[in-house]
Amino acid sequence: MVITKSAPYTKEEIDNLKEQFVSYIKTVIDINKKICSAGCDRHFDSERILLESGSNQSDIWGGGIDLKTKAIDFNSFINIRPNDSNTSNEIQNVNIRKVYEELTRYFFPTVL
């Protein structure tokens, strides 16, 4: 189940998001509009939702949360964007990583 919103996820919503991978939640965040689309099978599914709702490609970044270790990762194929100076699956820009992490903690306060 994919849930896209601009407010923190509730415990019930997080339980629904875990249906896809049990101990991992894929997240895609528009770091400018502060909107998160989570629970997708593939990051590009949530990326498409954000693009269709008016997000700019350069503001959309992907990663996820390991629910067992409480670790946030910054790894997604959608992050490979040479035009935005990102040539890796990982978010390479320190400032973007920091914002992505802060927003992930905002959206998932009961998990992290």
N, C-alpha and C. Protein backbone atom coordinates (compact mmCIF):
# COMPACT_ATOMS: atom_id res chain seq x y z
N MET A 1 0.84 -1.18 0.00
CA MET A 1 0.00 0.00 0.00
C MET A 1 0.88 1.24 0.00
N VAL A 2 0.61 2.14 -0.88
CA VAL A 2 1.35 3.40 -0.96
C VAL A 2 0.49 4.50 -0.33
N ILE A 3 1.12 5.25 0.58
CA ILE A 3 0.44 6.37 1.22
C ILE A 3 1.31 7.61 1.00
N THR A 4 0.70 8.66 0.47
CA THR A 4 1.41 9.91 0.17
C THR A 4 0.78 11.02 0.99
N LYS A 5 1.63 11.74 1.76
CA LYS A 5 1.08 12.78 2.62
C LYS A 5 2.15 13.78 3.05
N SER A 6 1.68 14.86 3.65
CA SER A 6 2.60 15.90 4.12
C SER A 6 2.62 16.00 5.64
N ALA A 7 1.99 15.07 6.32
CA ALA A 7 1.97 15.02 7.78
C ALA A 7 2.59 13.70 8.22
N PRO A 8 3.01 13.61 9.48
CA PRO A 8 3.60 12.35 9.96
C PRO A 8 2.62 11.17 9.80
N TYR A 9 3.20 10.01 9.56
CA TYR A 9 2.41 8.80 9.43
C TYR A 9 1.99 8.30 10.81
N THR A 10 0.76 7.84 10.89
CA THR A 10 0.24 7.27 12.14
C THR A 10 0.75 5.84 12.29
N LYS A 11 0.62 5.29 13.49
CA LYS A 11 1.03 3.91 13.72
C LYS A 11 0.25 2.97 12.81
N GLU A 12 -1.04 3.21 12.63
CA GLU A 12 -1.86 2.37 11.75
C GLU A 12 -1.37 2.46 10.30
N GLU A 13 -1.04 3.66 9.84
CA GLU A 13 -0.53 3.82 8.48
C GLU A 13 0.81 3.09 8.32
N ILE A 14 1.67 3.19 9.32
CA ILE A 14 2.96 2.51 9.27
C ILE A 14 2.76 1.00 9.20
N ASP A 15 1.81 0.48 9.96
CA ASP A 15 1.50 -0.96 9.88
C ASP A 15 1.08 -1.33 8.46
N ASN A 16 0.31 -0.48 7.81
CA ASN A 16 -0.09 -0.73 6.42
C ASN A 16 1.09 -0.65 5.46
N LEU A 17 2.01 0.29 5.71
CA LEU A 17 3.18 0.44 4.85
C LEU A 17 4.11 -0.77 4.94
N LYS A 18 4.11 -1.45 6.08
CA LYS A 18 4.97 -2.61 6.28
C LYS A 18 4.50 -3.84 5.51
N GLU A 19 3.31 -3.78 4.94
CA GLU A 19 2.78 -4.93 4.20
C GLU A 19 3.68 -5.33 3.04
N GLN A 20 4.35 -4.39 2.42
CA GLN A 20 5.17 -4.68 1.24
C GLN A 20 6.44 -5.45 1.59
N PHE A 21 7.20 -4.99 2.59
CA PHE A 21 8.49 -5.59 2.91
C PHE A 21 8.69 -5.92 4.39
N VAL A 22 7.68 -5.94 5.19
CA VAL A 22 7.67 -6.28 6.62
C VAL A 22 8.64 -5.46 7.47
N SER A 23 9.95 -5.53 7.18
CA SER A 23 10.91 -4.83 8.04
C SER A 23 11.60 -3.66 7.34
N TYR A 24 11.03 -3.22 6.21
CA TYR A 24 11.63 -2.12 5.46
C TYR A 24 10.52 -1.32 4.78
N ILE A 25 10.64 -0.01 4.83
CA ILE A 25 9.68 0.86 4.14
C ILE A 25 10.44 1.73 3.15
N LYS A 26 10.09 1.61 1.87
CA LYS A 26 10.68 2.47 0.84
C LYS A 26 10.00 3.83 0.91
N THR A 27 10.80 4.88 0.83
CA THR A 27 10.28 6.24 0.90
C THR A 27 10.81 7.07 -0.26
N VAL A 28 9.96 7.97 -0.73
CA VAL A 28 10.34 8.97 -1.73
C VAL A 28 9.82 10.30 -1.21
N ILE A 29 10.71 11.27 -1.11
CA ILE A 29 10.35 12.54 -0.49
C ILE A 29 10.64 13.70 -1.43
N ASP A 30 9.66 14.58 -1.56
CA ASP A 30 9.87 15.87 -2.21
C ASP A 30 10.41 16.77 -1.10
N ILE A 31 11.71 17.05 -1.16
CA ILE A 31 12.35 17.80 -0.07
C ILE A 31 11.98 19.28 -0.07
N ASN A 32 11.42 19.77 -1.15
CA ASN A 32 10.99 21.16 -1.22
C ASN A 32 9.57 21.32 -0.69
N LYS A 33 8.64 20.51 -1.19
CA LYS A 33 7.24 20.59 -0.76
C LYS A 33 6.97 19.85 0.54
N LYS A 34 7.96 19.05 0.99
CA LYS A 34 7.84 18.27 2.22
C LYS A 34 6.65 17.31 2.16
N ILE A 35 6.68 16.49 1.10
CA ILE A 35 5.67 15.46 0.89
C ILE A 35 6.39 14.11 0.79
N CYS A 36 5.86 13.11 1.47
CA CYS A 36 6.45 11.78 1.44
C CYS A 36 5.46 10.80 0.82
N SER A 37 5.96 9.97 -0.07
CA SER A 37 5.19 8.87 -0.63
C SER A 37 5.92 7.60 -0.21
N ALA A 38 5.27 6.74 0.56
CA ALA A 38 5.94 5.58 1.14
C ALA A 38 5.13 4.31 0.94
N GLY A 39 5.85 3.18 1.04
CA GLY A 39 5.21 1.88 0.96
C GLY A 39 5.19 1.28 -0.43
N CYS A 40 5.90 1.88 -1.36
CA CYS A 40 5.90 1.40 -2.74
C CYS A 40 6.73 0.13 -2.89
N ASP A 41 6.45 -0.61 -3.95
CA ASP A 41 7.25 -1.77 -4.31
C ASP A 41 8.57 -1.32 -4.92
N ARG A 42 8.47 -0.32 -5.79
CA ARG A 42 9.65 0.27 -6.43
C ARG A 42 9.57 1.79 -6.28
N HIS A 43 10.70 2.40 -6.02
CA HIS A 43 10.72 3.85 -5.79
C HIS A 43 10.06 4.64 -6.92
N PHE A 44 10.21 4.17 -8.16
CA PHE A 44 9.65 4.95 -9.26
C PHE A 44 8.12 5.03 -9.20
N ASP A 45 7.48 4.09 -8.48
CA ASP A 45 6.03 4.18 -8.31
C ASP A 45 5.66 5.43 -7.50
N SER A 46 6.36 5.65 -6.41
CA SER A 46 6.11 6.83 -5.60
C SER A 46 6.62 8.10 -6.27
N GLU A 47 7.72 7.98 -6.99
CA GLU A 47 8.23 9.11 -7.76
C GLU A 47 7.16 9.61 -8.73
N ARG A 48 6.52 8.68 -9.43
CA ARG A 48 5.47 9.03 -10.40
C ARG A 48 4.31 9.75 -9.71
N ILE A 49 3.92 9.27 -8.54
CA ILE A 49 2.82 9.91 -7.78
C ILE A 49 3.18 11.37 -7.50
N LEU A 50 4.40 11.60 -7.04
CA LEU A 50 4.81 12.97 -6.71
C LEU A 50 4.92 13.84 -7.96
N LEU A 51 5.46 13.30 -9.03
CA LEU A 51 5.56 14.07 -10.28
C LEU A 51 4.17 14.44 -10.79
N GLU A 52 3.24 13.50 -10.73
CA GLU A 52 1.88 13.76 -11.20
C GLU A 52 1.14 14.77 -10.32
N SER A 53 1.62 14.93 -9.08
CA SER A 53 0.98 15.91 -8.19
C SER A 53 1.69 17.26 -8.23
N GLY A 54 2.66 17.41 -9.16
CA GLY A 54 3.29 18.71 -9.36
C GLY A 54 4.68 18.90 -8.81
N SER A 55 5.28 17.86 -8.28
CA SER A 55 6.65 17.98 -7.76
C SER A 55 7.64 18.12 -8.91
N ASN A 56 8.75 18.78 -8.63
CA ASN A 56 9.84 18.90 -9.60
C ASN A 56 10.81 17.74 -9.41
N GLN A 57 11.26 17.16 -10.50
CA GLN A 57 12.16 16.02 -10.44
C GLN A 57 13.36 16.27 -9.54
N SER A 58 13.95 17.45 -9.62
CA SER A 58 15.16 17.73 -8.86
C SER A 58 14.92 17.80 -7.34
N ASP A 59 13.65 17.82 -6.92
CA ASP A 59 13.32 17.87 -5.49
C ASP A 59 12.97 16.50 -4.93
N ILE A 60 12.90 15.48 -5.78
CA ILE A 60 12.44 14.16 -5.37
C ILE A 60 13.63 13.22 -5.17
N TRP A 61 13.69 12.61 -3.97
CA TRP A 61 14.79 11.71 -3.64
C TRP A 61 14.24 10.46 -2.96
N GLY A 62 14.95 9.34 -3.15
CA GLY A 62 14.47 8.07 -2.62
C GLY A 62 15.41 7.43 -1.63
N GLY A 63 14.82 6.62 -0.78
CA GLY A 63 15.58 5.88 0.22
C GLY A 63 14.64 4.96 0.98
N GLY A 64 14.92 4.79 2.25
CA GLY A 64 14.05 3.93 3.04
C GLY A 64 14.46 3.83 4.48
N ILE A 65 13.68 3.02 5.21
CA ILE A 65 13.90 2.82 6.64
C ILE A 65 13.96 1.33 6.92
N ASP A 66 15.04 0.89 7.55
CA ASP A 66 15.14 -0.48 8.05
C ASP A 66 14.49 -0.47 9.43
N LEU A 67 13.36 -1.12 9.56
CA LEU A 67 12.60 -1.06 10.80
C LEU A 67 13.26 -1.83 11.94
N LYS A 68 14.10 -2.79 11.63
CA LYS A 68 14.79 -3.55 12.69
C LYS A 68 15.93 -2.76 13.30
N THR A 69 16.73 -2.11 12.45
CA THR A 69 17.90 -1.38 12.94
C THR A 69 17.62 0.11 13.17
N LYS A 70 16.46 0.57 12.69
CA LYS A 70 16.08 1.99 12.76
C LYS A 70 17.00 2.86 11.91
N ALA A 71 17.63 2.27 10.92
CA ALA A 71 18.56 3.00 10.05
C ALA A 71 17.82 3.59 8.84
N ILE A 72 18.19 4.81 8.51
CA ILE A 72 17.68 5.47 7.31
C ILE A 72 18.72 5.28 6.22
N ASP A 73 18.27 4.84 5.03
CA ASP A 73 19.22 4.78 3.93
C ASP A 73 18.81 5.78 2.85
N PHE A 74 19.73 6.05 1.96
CA PHE A 74 19.56 7.08 0.94
C PHE A 74 19.80 6.47 -0.44
N ASN A 75 19.34 5.24 -0.63
CA ASN A 75 19.68 4.47 -1.80
C ASN A 75 18.46 4.17 -2.65
N SER A 76 18.51 4.61 -3.91
CA SER A 76 17.43 4.34 -4.86
C SER A 76 17.92 4.63 -6.28
N PHE A 77 17.42 3.84 -7.22
CA PHE A 77 17.76 4.10 -8.62
C PHE A 77 17.27 5.47 -9.07
N ILE A 78 16.20 5.97 -8.48
CA ILE A 78 15.69 7.28 -8.90
C ILE A 78 16.66 8.41 -8.55
N ASN A 79 17.63 8.11 -7.68
CA ASN A 79 18.61 9.13 -7.29
C ASN A 79 19.70 9.32 -8.34
N ILE A 80 19.81 8.42 -9.29
CA ILE A 80 20.84 8.55 -10.33
C ILE A 80 20.38 9.63 -11.31
N ARG A 81 20.94 10.82 -11.13
CA ARG A 81 20.56 11.96 -11.98
C ARG A 81 21.77 12.85 -12.21
N PRO A 82 22.54 12.54 -13.23
CA PRO A 82 23.72 13.36 -13.53
C PRO A 82 23.40 14.84 -13.71
N ASN A 83 22.21 15.17 -14.23
CA ASN A 83 21.84 16.58 -14.41
C ASN A 83 21.72 17.31 -13.08
N ASP A 84 21.49 16.56 -12.00
CA ASP A 84 21.43 17.14 -10.66
C ASP A 84 22.70 16.82 -9.88
N SER A 85 23.78 16.50 -10.60
CA SER A 85 25.09 16.18 -10.00
C SER A 85 25.03 15.00 -9.05
N ASN A 86 24.18 14.03 -9.33
CA ASN A 86 24.10 12.81 -8.52
C ASN A 86 24.28 11.62 -9.46
N THR A 87 25.46 11.01 -9.41
CA THR A 87 25.79 9.93 -10.34
C THR A 87 25.72 8.55 -9.69
N SER A 88 25.10 8.46 -8.55
CA SER A 88 25.05 7.23 -7.78
C SER A 88 23.62 6.95 -7.31
N ASN A 89 23.38 5.70 -6.88
CA ASN A 89 22.11 5.37 -6.22
C ASN A 89 21.97 6.14 -4.91
N GLU A 90 23.08 6.42 -4.28
CA GLU A 90 23.09 7.14 -3.00
C GLU A 90 22.92 8.64 -3.23
N ILE A 91 22.24 9.30 -2.32
CA ILE A 91 22.17 10.76 -2.36
C ILE A 91 23.56 11.27 -1.98
N GLN A 92 24.24 11.91 -2.90
CA GLN A 92 25.62 12.32 -2.69
C GLN A 92 25.76 13.70 -2.04
N ASN A 93 24.83 14.59 -2.28
CA ASN A 93 24.91 15.94 -1.75
C ASN A 93 24.62 15.91 -0.24
N VAL A 94 25.56 16.38 0.55
CA VAL A 94 25.45 16.34 2.01
C VAL A 94 24.22 17.10 2.49
N ASN A 95 23.95 18.25 1.91
CA ASN A 95 22.80 19.05 2.34
C ASN A 95 21.48 18.36 2.02
N ILE A 96 21.38 17.75 0.84
CA ILE A 96 20.16 17.03 0.47
C ILE A 96 19.97 15.82 1.38
N ARG A 97 21.05 15.10 1.66
CA ARG A 97 20.97 13.95 2.58
C ARG A 97 20.45 14.39 3.95
N LYS A 98 20.96 15.52 4.42
CA LYS A 98 20.56 16.02 5.74
C LYS A 98 19.07 16.34 5.75
N VAL A 99 18.59 17.04 4.73
CA VAL A 99 17.16 17.38 4.65
C VAL A 99 16.33 16.11 4.53
N TYR A 100 16.77 15.17 3.70
CA TYR A 100 16.05 13.90 3.53
C TYR A 100 15.94 13.17 4.87
N GLU A 101 17.04 13.13 5.61
CA GLU A 101 17.02 12.45 6.91
C GLU A 101 16.10 13.17 7.90
N GLU A 102 16.17 14.49 7.95
CA GLU A 102 15.31 15.25 8.85
C GLU A 102 13.84 15.02 8.52
N LEU A 103 13.51 15.02 7.23
CA LEU A 103 12.12 14.81 6.83
C LEU A 103 11.68 13.37 7.11
N THR A 104 12.56 12.42 6.92
CA THR A 104 12.22 11.03 7.25
C THR A 104 11.90 10.91 8.73
N ARG A 105 12.70 11.54 9.58
CA ARG A 105 12.43 11.52 11.02
C ARG A 105 11.11 12.22 11.35
N TYR A 106 10.80 13.29 10.63
CA TYR A 106 9.51 14.00 10.81
C TYR A 106 8.34 13.09 10.44
N PHE A 107 8.44 12.42 9.29
CA PHE A 107 7.33 11.60 8.81
C PHE A 107 7.16 10.31 9.61
N PHE A 108 8.21 9.80 10.24
CA PHE A 108 8.16 8.52 10.94
C PHE A 108 8.63 8.63 12.39
N PRO A 109 8.01 9.52 13.17
CA PRO A 109 8.49 9.72 14.55
C PRO A 109 8.30 8.50 15.45
N THR A 110 7.32 7.67 15.18
CA THR A 110 7.08 6.51 16.03
C THR A 110 8.01 5.34 15.68
N VAL A 111 8.70 5.44 14.56
CA VAL A 111 9.60 4.39 14.12
C VAL A 111 11.05 4.71 14.46
N LEU A 112 11.43 5.98 14.32
CA LEU A 112 12.83 6.39 14.49
C LEU A 112 13.08 7.09 15.81
